[in-house]
């Protein structure tokens, strides 16, 4: 990974997420509601709901909030009916950007996303224009210095799809989306706790940006992430040292 550190990029992204804690509960409640509506209210038989509930507990969301969100999803309580929407486009230097939303008004949402792209030097594209550049997977990131052989053995035994050692010494464990929680728990039992983990859209190739281009790209990503209807923003952009 010449020019940039995978670990530094992950830490940077995690730090920015931590700074936006005010919106976390709202996004998690939306995700729990939609997951319950689509796959049922039992996390044991609904991997998407299980992950959403685990994430909510990780943010110390009260149990009654989680239960209410599940009941709204299953129809036991009245609530807003959110729809999923994905928008794709290009950022600075042609970096791919994919924006996942949960919305009760797609007309409003698409206008907001398009405005954010155009205002900050990006271009919103057509459906599918960049999706092929990403892989849907679970990703667990371990800090440099972890015992690579022991982690690899434990990860593969737990059902991980791949283990990647980066040039900076950090290690990524890649899983199928529905296996993420199972692999994460198995690794924790084996004594390996990830510094960062998520089910994500992982870019197959990265676009390295530095200087003014990196700053402009970060403004675009921030503008998209700050929109009320946006749940996740994925990009091929990485920031150089």
C-alpha atoms as a PDB file:
ATOM      1  CA  UNK A   1       0.000   0.000   0.000  1.00  0.00           C
ATOM      2  CA  UNK A   2       2.472   2.622  -1.162  1.00  0.00           C
ATOM      3  CA  UNK A   3       1.658   6.160  -0.144  1.00  0.00           C
ATOM      4  CA  UNK A   4      -0.992   5.486   2.426  1.00  0.00           C
ATOM      5  CA  UNK A   5      -1.555   3.448   5.535  1.00  0.00           C
ATOM      6  CA  UNK A   6      -4.605   1.212   5.639  1.00  0.00           C
ATOM      7  CA  UNK A   7      -4.571   1.417   9.424  1.00  0.00           C
ATOM      8  CA  UNK A   8      -4.356   5.224   9.413  1.00  0.00           C
ATOM      9  CA  UNK A   9      -7.282   5.439   6.993  1.00  0.00           C
ATOM     10  CA  UNK A  10      -9.416   3.155   9.150  1.00  0.00           C
ATOM     11  CA  UNK A  11      -8.567   5.128  12.286  1.00  0.00           C
ATOM     12  CA  UNK A  12      -9.374   8.380  10.497  1.00  0.00           C
ATOM     13  CA  UNK A  13     -12.775   7.059   9.385  1.00  0.00           C
ATOM     14  CA  UNK A  14     -13.570   5.668  12.817  1.00  0.00           C
ATOM     15  CA  UNK A  15     -12.636   8.978  14.433  1.00  0.00           C
ATOM     16  CA  UNK A  16     -14.981  10.877  12.139  1.00  0.00           C
ATOM     17  CA  UNK A  17     -17.784   8.445  12.923  1.00  0.00           C
ATOM     18  CA  UNK A  18     -17.190   8.867  16.640  1.00  0.00           C
ATOM     19  CA  UNK A  19     -17.498  12.639  16.188  1.00  0.00           C
ATOM     20  CA  UNK A  20     -20.995  12.204  14.737  1.00  0.00           C
ATOM     21  CA  UNK A  21     -22.494  10.296  17.634  1.00  0.00           C
ATOM     22  CA  UNK A  22     -25.576  12.553  17.735  1.00  0.00           C
ATOM     23  CA  UNK A  23     -27.045  10.877  14.660  1.00  0.00           C
ATOM     24  CA  UNK A  24     -26.120   7.336  15.543  1.00  0.00           C
ATOM     25  CA  UNK A  25     -29.280   6.402  17.463  1.00  0.00           C
ATOM     26  CA  UNK A  26     -31.525   7.733  14.696  1.00  0.00           C
ATOM     27  CA  UNK A  27     -29.687   5.724  12.046  1.00  0.00           C
ATOM     28  CA  UNK A  28     -29.666   2.572  14.163  1.00  0.00           C
ATOM     29  CA  UNK A  29     -33.387   2.808  14.914  1.00  0.00           C
ATOM     30  CA  UNK A  30     -34.129   3.147  11.196  1.00  0.00           C
ATOM     31  CA  UNK A  31     -31.957   0.129  10.393  1.00  0.00           C
ATOM     32  CA  UNK A  32     -33.529  -2.019  13.126  1.00  0.00           C
ATOM     33  CA  UNK A  33     -37.024  -1.083  11.944  1.00  0.00           C
ATOM     34  CA  UNK A  34     -36.325  -1.914   8.299  1.00  0.00           C
ATOM     35  CA  UNK A  35     -34.430  -5.111   9.142  1.00  0.00           C
ATOM     36  CA  UNK A  36     -37.345  -6.337  11.288  1.00  0.00           C
ATOM     37  CA  UNK A  37     -39.871  -5.466   8.598  1.00  0.00           C
ATOM     38  CA  UNK A  38     -37.943  -7.326   5.905  1.00  0.00           C
ATOM     39  CA  UNK A  39     -36.768 -10.395   7.810  1.00  0.00           C
ATOM     40  CA  UNK A  40     -38.913 -10.718  10.940  1.00  0.00           C
ATOM     41  CA  UNK A  41     -38.431  -9.637  14.529  1.00  0.00           C
ATOM     42  CA  UNK A  42     -36.272 -12.519  15.834  1.00  0.00           C
ATOM     43  CA  UNK A  43     -32.549 -11.670  15.597  1.00  0.00           C
ATOM     44  CA  UNK A  44     -31.667 -15.371  15.812  1.00  0.00           C
ATOM     45  CA  UNK A  45     -33.264 -15.933  12.404  1.00  0.00           C
ATOM     46  CA  UNK A  46     -32.561 -12.536  10.855  1.00  0.00           C
ATOM     47  CA  UNK A  47     -28.822 -11.818  10.398  1.00  0.00           C
ATOM     48  CA  UNK A  48     -29.400  -8.210   9.358  1.00  0.00           C
ATOM     49  CA  UNK A  49     -31.487  -7.532  12.460  1.00  0.00           C
ATOM     50  CA  UNK A  50     -28.959  -9.329  14.656  1.00  0.00           C
ATOM     51  CA  UNK A  51     -26.183  -7.090  13.371  1.00  0.00           C
ATOM     52  CA  UNK A  52     -28.299  -3.954  13.822  1.00  0.00           C
ATOM     53  CA  UNK A  53     -29.198  -4.922  17.394  1.00  0.00           C
ATOM     54  CA  UNK A  54     -25.554  -5.746  18.193  1.00  0.00           C
ATOM     55  CA  UNK A  55     -24.493  -2.348  16.839  1.00  0.00           C
ATOM     56  CA  UNK A  56     -27.198  -0.619  18.894  1.00  0.00           C
ATOM     57  CA  UNK A  57     -26.074  -2.393  22.062  1.00  0.00           C
ATOM     58  CA  UNK A  58     -22.492  -1.418  21.238  1.00  0.00           C
ATOM     59  CA  UNK A  59     -23.637   2.213  21.295  1.00  0.00           C
ATOM     60  CA  UNK A  60     -25.413   1.659  24.640  1.00  0.00           C
ATOM     61  CA  UNK A  61     -28.875   2.148  23.189  1.00  0.00           C
ATOM     62  CA  UNK A  62     -31.520   1.327  25.846  1.00  0.00           C
ATOM     63  CA  UNK A  63     -33.205  -2.038  25.389  1.00  0.00           C
ATOM     64  CA  UNK A  64     -36.679  -0.516  25.282  1.00  0.00           C
ATOM     65  CA  UNK A  65     -35.650   1.640  22.299  1.00  0.00           C
ATOM     66  CA  UNK A  66     -34.470  -1.465  20.477  1.00  0.00           C
ATOM     67  CA  UNK A  67     -37.701  -3.330  21.275  1.00  0.00           C
ATOM     68  CA  UNK A  68     -39.856  -0.423  20.081  1.00  0.00           C
ATOM     69  CA  UNK A  69     -37.934  -0.235  16.817  1.00  0.00           C
ATOM     70  CA  UNK A  70     -38.401  -3.982  16.251  1.00  0.00           C
ATOM     71  CA  UNK A  71     -42.140  -3.725  16.982  1.00  0.00           C
ATOM     72  CA  UNK A  72     -42.498  -0.823  14.571  1.00  0.00           C
ATOM     73  CA  UNK A  73     -40.816  -2.966  11.942  1.00  0.00           C
ATOM     74  CA  UNK A  74     -43.047  -5.972  12.526  1.00  0.00           C
ATOM     75  CA  UNK A  75     -46.188  -3.831  12.634  1.00  0.00           C
ATOM     76  CA  UNK A  76     -46.949  -4.264  16.333  1.00  0.00           C
ATOM     77  CA  UNK A  77     -46.495  -0.496  16.747  1.00  0.00           C
ATOM     78  CA  UNK A  78     -47.255   2.274  14.277  1.00  0.00           C
ATOM     79  CA  UNK A  79     -44.312   4.049  12.709  1.00  0.00           C
ATOM     80  CA  UNK A  80     -42.858   5.635   9.603  1.00  0.00           C
ATOM     81  CA  UNK A  81     -42.443   3.295   6.634  1.00  0.00           C
ATOM     82  CA  UNK A  82     -38.859   3.710   5.445  1.00  0.00           C
ATOM     83  CA  UNK A  83     -37.696   2.564   2.016  1.00  0.00           C
ATOM     84  CA  UNK A  84     -34.176   1.637   0.992  1.00  0.00           C
ATOM     85  CA  UNK A  85     -32.498   3.679  -1.731  1.00  0.00           C
ATOM     86  CA  UNK A  86     -28.979   3.564  -3.143  1.00  0.00           C
ATOM     87  CA  UNK A  87     -27.352   6.351  -5.132  1.00  0.00           C
ATOM     88  CA  UNK A  88     -24.043   6.153  -6.955  1.00  0.00           C
ATOM     89  CA  UNK A  89     -21.587   8.639  -8.349  1.00  0.00           C
ATOM     90  CA  UNK A  90     -18.047   9.936  -8.575  1.00  0.00           C
ATOM     91  CA  UNK A  91     -16.020  12.165  -6.292  1.00  0.00           C
ATOM     92  CA  UNK A  92     -12.713  13.948  -6.671  1.00  0.00           C
ATOM     93  CA  UNK A  93     -10.266  12.244  -9.016  1.00  0.00           C
ATOM     94  CA  UNK A  94     -12.979   9.887 -10.224  1.00  0.00           C
ATOM     95  CA  UNK A  95     -13.214   8.096  -6.858  1.00  0.00           C
ATOM     96  CA  UNK A  96     -16.290   5.881  -6.708  1.00  0.00           C
ATOM     97  CA  UNK A  97     -18.983   6.801  -4.175  1.00  0.00           C
ATOM     98  CA  UNK A  98     -22.018   4.787  -3.125  1.00  0.00           C
ATOM     99  CA  UNK A  99     -24.677   6.206  -0.787  1.00  0.00           C
ATOM    100  CA  UNK A 100     -27.177   3.978   1.063  1.00  0.00           C
ATOM    101  CA  UNK A 101     -30.293   5.678   2.398  1.00  0.00           C
ATOM    102  CA  UNK A 102     -33.426   4.881   4.358  1.00  0.00           C
ATOM    103  CA  UNK A 103     -36.141   7.377   3.529  1.00  0.00           C
ATOM    104  CA  UNK A 104     -39.857   8.114   3.701  1.00  0.00           C
ATOM    105  CA  UNK A 105     -39.577  10.464   0.701  1.00  0.00           C
ATOM    106  CA  UNK A 106     -37.321   9.394  -2.178  1.00  0.00           C
ATOM    107  CA  UNK A 107     -37.963  12.618  -4.102  1.00  0.00           C
ATOM    108  CA  UNK A 108     -36.490  14.647  -1.254  1.00  0.00           C
ATOM    109  CA  UNK A 109     -33.625  12.264  -0.707  1.00  0.00           C
ATOM    110  CA  UNK A 110     -32.427  12.056  -4.314  1.00  0.00           C
ATOM    111  CA  UNK A 111     -32.514  15.866  -4.564  1.00  0.00           C
ATOM    112  CA  UNK A 112     -30.449  16.218  -1.375  1.00  0.00           C
ATOM    113  CA  UNK A 113     -27.884  13.626  -2.499  1.00  0.00           C
ATOM    114  CA  UNK A 114     -27.573  15.161  -5.988  1.00  0.00           C
ATOM    115  CA  UNK A 115     -27.095  18.622  -4.468  1.00  0.00           C
ATOM    116  CA  UNK A 116     -24.332  17.375  -2.152  1.00  0.00           C
ATOM    117  CA  UNK A 117     -22.493  15.769  -5.075  1.00  0.00           C
ATOM    118  CA  UNK A 118     -22.719  18.839  -7.313  1.00  0.00           C
ATOM    119  CA  UNK A 119     -21.889  21.367  -4.588  1.00  0.00           C
ATOM    120  CA  UNK A 120     -18.677  19.592  -3.580  1.00  0.00           C
ATOM    121  CA  UNK A 121     -17.152  18.717  -6.936  1.00  0.00           C
ATOM    122  CA  UNK A 122     -18.676  15.290  -7.478  1.00  0.00           C
ATOM    123  CA  UNK A 123     -21.091  13.878 -10.024  1.00  0.00           C
ATOM    124  CA  UNK A 124     -24.122  11.725  -9.292  1.00  0.00           C
ATOM    125  CA  UNK A 125     -24.318   8.868 -11.777  1.00  0.00           C
ATOM    126  CA  UNK A 126     -26.821   6.277 -12.905  1.00  0.00           C
ATOM    127  CA  UNK A 127     -27.799   3.118 -11.048  1.00  0.00           C
ATOM    128  CA  UNK A 128     -25.004   0.571 -11.277  1.00  0.00           C
ATOM    129  CA  UNK A 129     -22.334   2.987 -12.483  1.00  0.00           C
ATOM    130  CA  UNK A 130     -19.951   2.141  -9.622  1.00  0.00           C
ATOM    131  CA  UNK A 131     -21.623  -0.714  -7.709  1.00  0.00           C
ATOM    132  CA  UNK A 132     -19.589  -3.307  -9.623  1.00  0.00           C
ATOM    133  CA  UNK A 133     -16.440  -1.827  -8.071  1.00  0.00           C
ATOM    134  CA  UNK A 134     -17.504  -2.885  -4.556  1.00  0.00           C
ATOM    135  CA  UNK A 135     -17.921  -6.214  -2.777  1.00  0.00           C
ATOM    136  CA  UNK A 136     -20.560  -6.690  -0.050  1.00  0.00           C
ATOM    137  CA  UNK A 137     -18.729  -8.269   2.890  1.00  0.00           C
ATOM    138  CA  UNK A 138     -17.947  -8.185   6.570  1.00  0.00           C
ATOM    139  CA  UNK A 139     -14.635  -6.556   7.518  1.00  0.00           C
ATOM    140  CA  UNK A 140     -12.770  -6.861  10.824  1.00  0.00           C
ATOM    141  CA  UNK A 141      -9.614  -4.776  11.221  1.00  0.00           C
ATOM    142  CA  UNK A 142      -6.833  -5.730  13.641  1.00  0.00           C
ATOM    143  CA  UNK A 143      -3.993  -3.449  14.688  1.00  0.00           C
ATOM    144  CA  UNK A 144      -0.394  -4.007  13.609  1.00  0.00           C
ATOM    145  CA  UNK A 145       1.378  -6.404  15.957  1.00  0.00           C
ATOM    146  CA  UNK A 146      -1.340  -9.061  16.221  1.00  0.00           C
ATOM    147  CA  UNK A 147      -0.067 -12.643  15.832  1.00  0.00           C
ATOM    148  CA  UNK A 148      -0.785 -13.132  12.126  1.00  0.00           C
ATOM    149  CA  UNK A 149      -0.570 -16.934  12.043  1.00  0.00           C
ATOM    150  CA  UNK A 150      -2.758 -17.446  15.101  1.00  0.00           C
ATOM    151  CA  UNK A 151      -5.338 -14.930  13.875  1.00  0.00           C
ATOM    152  CA  UNK A 152      -5.445 -16.477  10.425  1.00  0.00           C
ATOM    153  CA  UNK A 153      -5.953 -19.971  11.861  1.00  0.00           C
ATOM    154  CA  UNK A 154      -8.729 -18.785  14.184  1.00  0.00           C
ATOM    155  CA  UNK A 155     -10.415 -16.726  11.448  1.00  0.00           C
ATOM    156  CA  UNK A 156     -10.471 -19.478   8.862  1.00  0.00           C
ATOM    157  CA  UNK A 157     -11.680 -21.977  11.456  1.00  0.00           C
ATOM    158  CA  UNK A 158     -14.490 -19.555  12.341  1.00  0.00           C
ATOM    159  CA  UNK A 159     -15.625 -19.389   8.709  1.00  0.00           C
ATOM    160  CA  UNK A 160     -13.910 -16.246   7.408  1.00  0.00           C
ATOM    161  CA  UNK A 161     -13.498 -15.976   3.645  1.00  0.00           C
ATOM    162  CA  UNK A 162     -10.076 -14.332   3.620  1.00  0.00           C
ATOM    163  CA  UNK A 163      -7.350 -12.856   5.818  1.00  0.00           C
ATOM    164  CA  UNK A 164      -5.288  -9.992   4.366  1.00  0.00           C
ATOM    165  CA  UNK A 165      -2.092  -8.575   5.862  1.00  0.00           C
ATOM    166  CA  UNK A 166      -1.467  -4.994   4.760  1.00  0.00           C
ATOM    167  CA  UNK A 167       1.943  -3.406   4.219  1.00  0.00           C
ATOM    168  CA  UNK A 168       1.544  -1.374   7.434  1.00  0.00           C
ATOM    169  CA  UNK A 169       1.112  -4.587   9.473  1.00  0.00           C
ATOM    170  CA  UNK A 170      -2.632  -4.262  10.042  1.00  0.00           C
ATOM    171  CA  UNK A 171      -4.694  -7.355   9.307  1.00  0.00           C
ATOM    172  CA  UNK A 172      -8.158  -7.538   7.735  1.00  0.00           C
ATOM    173  CA  UNK A 173     -10.460 -10.495   8.196  1.00  0.00           C
ATOM    174  CA  UNK A 174     -13.077 -10.686   5.440  1.00  0.00           C
ATOM    175  CA  UNK A 175     -16.366 -12.573   5.909  1.00  0.00           C
ATOM    176  CA  UNK A 176     -19.607 -13.147   4.067  1.00  0.00           C
ATOM    177  CA  UNK A 177     -22.111 -10.472   5.213  1.00  0.00           C
ATOM    178  CA  UNK A 178     -24.323 -12.928   7.089  1.00  0.00           C
ATOM    179  CA  UNK A 179     -21.317 -14.589   8.773  1.00  0.00           C
ATOM    180  CA  UNK A 180     -19.885 -11.359  10.199  1.00  0.00           C
ATOM    181  CA  UNK A 181     -21.382 -11.608  13.698  1.00  0.00           C
ATOM    182  CA  UNK A 182     -20.578 -15.321  14.012  1.00  0.00           C
ATOM    183  CA  UNK A 183     -16.941 -14.858  12.974  1.00  0.00           C
ATOM    184  CA  UNK A 184     -16.550 -11.790  15.206  1.00  0.00           C
ATOM    185  CA  UNK A 185     -17.848 -13.688  18.243  1.00  0.00           C
ATOM    186  CA  UNK A 186     -15.658 -16.719  17.513  1.00  0.00           C
ATOM    187  CA  UNK A 187     -12.550 -14.545  17.222  1.00  0.00           C
ATOM    188  CA  UNK A 188     -13.355 -12.766  20.478  1.00  0.00           C
ATOM    189  CA  UNK A 189     -13.661 -16.144  22.204  1.00  0.00           C
ATOM    190  CA  UNK A 190     -10.243 -17.021  20.766  1.00  0.00           C
ATOM    191  CA  UNK A 191      -8.801 -13.821  22.258  1.00  0.00           C
ATOM    192  CA  UNK A 192      -8.844 -11.588  19.154  1.00  0.00           C
ATOM    193  CA  UNK A 193     -10.880  -8.394  19.456  1.00  0.00           C
ATOM    194  CA  UNK A 194     -11.049  -6.226  16.343  1.00  0.00           C
ATOM    195  CA  UNK A 195     -10.258  -2.535  16.651  1.00  0.00           C
ATOM    196  CA  UNK A 196     -12.868  -1.797  14.003  1.00  0.00           C
ATOM    197  CA  UNK A 197     -15.492  -3.887  12.250  1.00  0.00           C
ATOM    198  CA  UNK A 198     -18.544  -3.554  10.045  1.00  0.00           C
ATOM    199  CA  UNK A 199     -20.565  -5.070   7.250  1.00  0.00           C
ATOM    200  CA  UNK A 200     -19.600  -2.861   4.359  1.00  0.00           C
ATOM    201  CA  UNK A 201     -19.222  -2.386   0.625  1.00  0.00           C
ATOM    202  CA  UNK A 202     -15.470  -2.852   0.201  1.00  0.00           C
ATOM    203  CA  UNK A 203     -13.872  -1.252  -2.865  1.00  0.00           C
ATOM    204  CA  UNK A 204     -12.035  -3.706  -5.092  1.00  0.00           C
ATOM    205  CA  UNK A 205      -9.592  -0.961  -6.141  1.00  0.00           C
ATOM    206  CA  UNK A 206      -8.659   2.216  -4.285  1.00  0.00           C
ATOM    207  CA  UNK A 207      -8.228   5.797  -5.489  1.00  0.00           C
ATOM    208  CA  UNK A 208      -5.461   7.532  -3.554  1.00  0.00           C
ATOM    209  CA  UNK A 209      -5.924  11.247  -2.906  1.00  0.00           C
ATOM    210  CA  UNK A 210      -3.678  13.752  -1.144  1.00  0.00           C
ATOM    211  CA  UNK A 211      -3.471  17.476  -0.421  1.00  0.00           C
ATOM    212  CA  UNK A 212      -6.295  19.648  -1.761  1.00  0.00           C
ATOM    213  CA  UNK A 213      -7.947  16.714  -3.522  1.00  0.00           C
ATOM    214  CA  UNK A 214      -8.125  14.781  -0.254  1.00  0.00           C
ATOM    215  CA  UNK A 215      -9.595  17.795   1.557  1.00  0.00           C
ATOM    216  CA  UNK A 216     -12.218  18.319  -1.165  1.00  0.00           C
ATOM    217  CA  UNK A 217     -13.143  14.647  -1.118  1.00  0.00           C
ATOM    218  CA  UNK A 218     -13.549  14.691   2.663  1.00  0.00           C
ATOM    219  CA  UNK A 219     -15.929  17.655   2.367  1.00  0.00           C
ATOM    220  CA  UNK A 220     -18.019  15.724  -0.146  1.00  0.00           C
ATOM    221  CA  UNK A 221     -18.133  12.647   2.075  1.00  0.00           C
ATOM    222  CA  UNK A 222     -19.053  14.774   5.117  1.00  0.00           C
ATOM    223  CA  UNK A 223     -21.831  16.529   3.179  1.00  0.00           C
ATOM    224  CA  UNK A 224     -23.326  13.194   2.164  1.00  0.00           C
ATOM    225  CA  UNK A 225     -22.986  11.621   5.615  1.00  0.00           C
ATOM    226  CA  UNK A 226     -24.659  14.632   7.243  1.00  0.00           C
ATOM    227  CA  UNK A 227     -27.865  14.202   5.251  1.00  0.00           C
ATOM    228  CA  UNK A 228     -30.688  12.949   7.466  1.00  0.00           C
ATOM    229  CA  UNK A 229     -31.702  10.107   5.136  1.00  0.00           C
ATOM    230  CA  UNK A 230     -28.187   8.754   4.587  1.00  0.00           C
ATOM    231  CA  UNK A 231     -27.234   5.610   6.476  1.00  0.00           C
ATOM    232  CA  UNK A 232     -23.835   4.773   4.970  1.00  0.00           C
ATOM    233  CA  UNK A 233     -21.400   6.245   2.466  1.00  0.00           C
ATOM    234  CA  UNK A 234     -18.889   3.964   0.755  1.00  0.00           C
ATOM    235  CA  UNK A 235     -15.979   5.149  -1.364  1.00  0.00           C
ATOM    236  CA  UNK A 236     -12.903   3.909  -3.169  1.00  0.00           C
ATOM    237  CA  UNK A 237     -11.012   7.006  -1.992  1.00  0.00           C
ATOM    238  CA  UNK A 238      -8.139   6.612   0.437  1.00  0.00           C
ATOM    239  CA  UNK A 239      -6.049   9.432   1.806  1.00  0.00           C
ATOM    240  CA  UNK A 240      -2.286   9.532   1.399  1.00  0.00           C
ATOM    241  CA  UNK A 241       0.179  10.214   4.177  1.00  0.00           C
END
